[in-house]
Amino acid sequence: MKKWSGCDEAIVGLGHRCGCESVVVYDYDKLVDVFIQQGMEEEESIEWIDFNILGAWIGEDTPIVLMENHDEH
């Protein structure tokens, strides 16, 4: 399974789909916190996640990001 480097603290589980490999599931808010802990400001963290994680396709086993209680991003 593919994972985002340095983001293990934001993993909330695995996602499963019929006929597909399992994928890692990250929590969006926890990802923001991880990057803040790594020295980014909150706005910078959100922008980085939106472009480099939500905007990335690295194959069929690209990780999923769970966004609870957020407006459409």
Foldseek 3Di string as FASTA:
>chain_A
DDDDPQQPQQWDAWDDDPPADIETEGEPVSQLVSVVVVPDDSVVSNVCCVCPQVVDDPDRRRHHYDYPPDDDD
